[in-house]
């Protein structure tokens, strides 16, 4: 599956941003067969888990640092996953990556995902 993120940009602290990730799979495998997640990375840190959503979208998980501020969702009819980020802080600035895997274990580990997008930059100004 190929993943393409969009929606990154510059936002003021306290503001909101919505990231999108569009999936395409030439093998014919359906989008709903993939567990989806968002990770982020800065030059100073390893890639870290942000949020994950199960195949049907009924179960979601969040890193403690974003819980209550970020929302992950998916639209299986459109082959897309979203991340709505609110109350953004300077420490949320990073490159955000969309990830997919049929059955990641654990869902929060970057090593669990076989498919990655190219990333989209999120910059938070004071």
Foldseek 3Di string as FASTA:
>chain_A
DAKAKDWADEEAQQAKTKMKIADDDPVPDALLLKKKFKWWDDPVDDIWGAKTAHSVRPDMDGDPVQPPFKDWGADRVRRMIMIMGGNHDQVVWGWMKMFIDSDFVPPGDPVRTDYIYPTDTHGYHD
